């Protein structure tokens, strides 16, 4: 009998934002969690790019609706491109 193997899937998208205050970050996180039930979001406001990190374990993340949601709340966000270091 063959055993089913479940592959772990984890998608992470990282955004540069203009969010400066934790109160605003908490509002954005709450709205993301309300609108995108399988997404987990957090901020690093100490980073110069004021990073929003969104993770999902069940599906691929479409960044466009997230950017639109954040814009509708009066803020800006853009996807940070993946950078592969040159060795």
C-alpha atoms as a PDB file:
ATOM      1  CA  UNK A   1       0.000   0.000   0.000  1.00  0.00           C
ATOM      2  CA  UNK A   2       1.357   3.396  -0.994  1.00  0.00           C
ATOM      3  CA  UNK A   3       1.495   6.130   1.577  1.00  0.00           C
ATOM      4  CA  UNK A   4       0.253   9.555   0.527  1.00  0.00           C
ATOM      5  CA  UNK A   5       2.918  12.211   0.694  1.00  0.00           C
ATOM      6  CA  UNK A   6       1.723  15.750   1.312  1.00  0.00           C
ATOM      7  CA  UNK A   7       4.091  18.360   0.026  1.00  0.00           C
ATOM      8  CA  UNK A   8       4.374  21.460   2.115  1.00  0.00           C
ATOM      9  CA  UNK A   9       3.407  24.575   0.163  1.00  0.00           C
ATOM     10  CA  UNK A  10       4.213  28.017   1.442  1.00  0.00           C
ATOM     11  CA  UNK A  11       3.996  31.221  -0.534  1.00  0.00           C
ATOM     12  CA  UNK A  12       5.431  34.492   0.777  1.00  0.00           C
ATOM     13  CA  UNK A  13       5.085  37.907  -0.834  1.00  0.00           C
ATOM     14  CA  UNK A  14       6.954  40.966   0.443  1.00  0.00           C
ATOM     15  CA  UNK A  15       5.777  44.542  -0.113  1.00  0.00           C
ATOM     16  CA  UNK A  16       7.369  47.957   0.334  1.00  0.00           C
ATOM     17  CA  UNK A  17       4.846  50.323   1.948  1.00  0.00           C
ATOM     18  CA  UNK A  18       4.559  53.901   3.162  1.00  0.00           C
ATOM     19  CA  UNK A  19       2.953  52.874   6.465  1.00  0.00           C
ATOM     20  CA  UNK A  20       4.803  54.525   9.355  1.00  0.00           C
ATOM     21  CA  UNK A  21       2.689  53.929  12.451  1.00  0.00           C
ATOM     22  CA  UNK A  22       1.754  50.716  14.233  1.00  0.00           C
ATOM     23  CA  UNK A  23      -1.866  51.820  14.555  1.00  0.00           C
ATOM     24  CA  UNK A  24      -2.137  51.986  10.757  1.00  0.00           C
ATOM     25  CA  UNK A  25      -0.233  48.714  10.352  1.00  0.00           C
ATOM     26  CA  UNK A  26      -2.641  46.952  12.727  1.00  0.00           C
ATOM     27  CA  UNK A  27      -5.629  48.284  10.750  1.00  0.00           C
ATOM     28  CA  UNK A  28      -4.144  47.020   7.479  1.00  0.00           C
ATOM     29  CA  UNK A  29      -3.327  43.612   8.975  1.00  0.00           C
ATOM     30  CA  UNK A  30      -6.855  43.276  10.354  1.00  0.00           C
ATOM     31  CA  UNK A  31      -8.354  44.136   6.955  1.00  0.00           C
ATOM     32  CA  UNK A  32      -6.055  41.674   5.145  1.00  0.00           C
ATOM     33  CA  UNK A  33      -7.018  38.908   7.575  1.00  0.00           C
ATOM     34  CA  UNK A  34     -10.706  39.762   7.114  1.00  0.00           C
ATOM     35  CA  UNK A  35     -10.596  39.848   3.309  1.00  0.00           C
ATOM     36  CA  UNK A  36      -8.089  37.050   2.703  1.00  0.00           C
ATOM     37  CA  UNK A  37      -8.845  34.339   5.238  1.00  0.00           C
ATOM     38  CA  UNK A  38      -5.851  32.114   4.482  1.00  0.00           C
ATOM     39  CA  UNK A  39      -3.271  34.949   4.536  1.00  0.00           C
ATOM     40  CA  UNK A  40      -1.099  35.799   7.535  1.00  0.00           C
ATOM     41  CA  UNK A  41       0.388  39.280   7.465  1.00  0.00           C
ATOM     42  CA  UNK A  42       2.920  41.183   9.534  1.00  0.00           C
ATOM     43  CA  UNK A  43       4.944  44.387   9.288  1.00  0.00           C
ATOM     44  CA  UNK A  44       8.547  45.384   9.879  1.00  0.00           C
ATOM     45  CA  UNK A  45       8.202  49.137  10.287  1.00  0.00           C
ATOM     46  CA  UNK A  46      11.819  49.467  11.420  1.00  0.00           C
ATOM     47  CA  UNK A  47      13.020  48.476   7.938  1.00  0.00           C
ATOM     48  CA  UNK A  48      13.624  51.454   5.631  1.00  0.00           C
ATOM     49  CA  UNK A  49      11.043  49.997   3.193  1.00  0.00           C
ATOM     50  CA  UNK A  50       8.408  49.522   5.961  1.00  0.00           C
ATOM     51  CA  UNK A  51       7.958  45.897   4.949  1.00  0.00           C
ATOM     52  CA  UNK A  52       4.641  44.102   4.795  1.00  0.00           C
ATOM     53  CA  UNK A  53       5.119  40.335   4.662  1.00  0.00           C
ATOM     54  CA  UNK A  54       2.183  38.148   3.618  1.00  0.00           C
ATOM     55  CA  UNK A  55       2.278  34.364   3.877  1.00  0.00           C
ATOM     56  CA  UNK A  56      -0.150  31.712   2.676  1.00  0.00           C
ATOM     57  CA  UNK A  57       0.148  27.949   3.046  1.00  0.00           C
ATOM     58  CA  UNK A  58      -2.816  26.919   0.907  1.00  0.00           C
ATOM     59  CA  UNK A  59      -2.621  28.920  -2.318  1.00  0.00           C
ATOM     60  CA  UNK A  60      -0.505  31.265  -4.382  1.00  0.00           C
ATOM     61  CA  UNK A  61      -0.687  34.924  -3.369  1.00  0.00           C
ATOM     62  CA  UNK A  62      -2.029  37.345  -5.952  1.00  0.00           C
ATOM     63  CA  UNK A  63      -0.417  40.685  -5.025  1.00  0.00           C
ATOM     64  CA  UNK A  64      -2.744  42.918  -7.069  1.00  0.00           C
ATOM     65  CA  UNK A  65      -5.811  42.654  -4.777  1.00  0.00           C
ATOM     66  CA  UNK A  66      -3.573  43.272  -1.745  1.00  0.00           C
ATOM     67  CA  UNK A  67      -2.083  46.410  -3.310  1.00  0.00           C
ATOM     68  CA  UNK A  68      -5.585  47.635  -4.215  1.00  0.00           C
ATOM     69  CA  UNK A  69      -6.862  46.976  -0.681  1.00  0.00           C
ATOM     70  CA  UNK A  70      -3.974  48.914   0.837  1.00  0.00           C
ATOM     71  CA  UNK A  71      -4.487  51.786  -1.630  1.00  0.00           C
ATOM     72  CA  UNK A  72      -8.186  51.882  -0.786  1.00  0.00           C
ATOM     73  CA  UNK A  73      -7.149  52.453   2.829  1.00  0.00           C
ATOM     74  CA  UNK A  74      -5.072  55.485   1.816  1.00  0.00           C
ATOM     75  CA  UNK A  75      -1.622  53.889   1.762  1.00  0.00           C
ATOM     76  CA  UNK A  76       0.834  52.726  -0.886  1.00  0.00           C
ATOM     77  CA  UNK A  77       2.345  49.292  -1.426  1.00  0.00           C
ATOM     78  CA  UNK A  78       4.434  47.661  -4.105  1.00  0.00           C
ATOM     79  CA  UNK A  79       5.859  44.188  -4.459  1.00  0.00           C
ATOM     80  CA  UNK A  80       9.543  43.966  -3.689  1.00  0.00           C
ATOM     81  CA  UNK A  81      11.254  41.959  -6.413  1.00  0.00           C
ATOM     82  CA  UNK A  82      13.154  38.799  -5.512  1.00  0.00           C
ATOM     83  CA  UNK A  83      16.854  39.507  -5.509  1.00  0.00           C
ATOM     84  CA  UNK A  84      19.274  36.711  -6.156  1.00  0.00           C
ATOM     85  CA  UNK A  85      22.775  37.577  -4.974  1.00  0.00           C
ATOM     86  CA  UNK A  86      25.561  37.253  -7.513  1.00  0.00           C
ATOM     87  CA  UNK A  87      28.416  35.142  -6.217  1.00  0.00           C
END
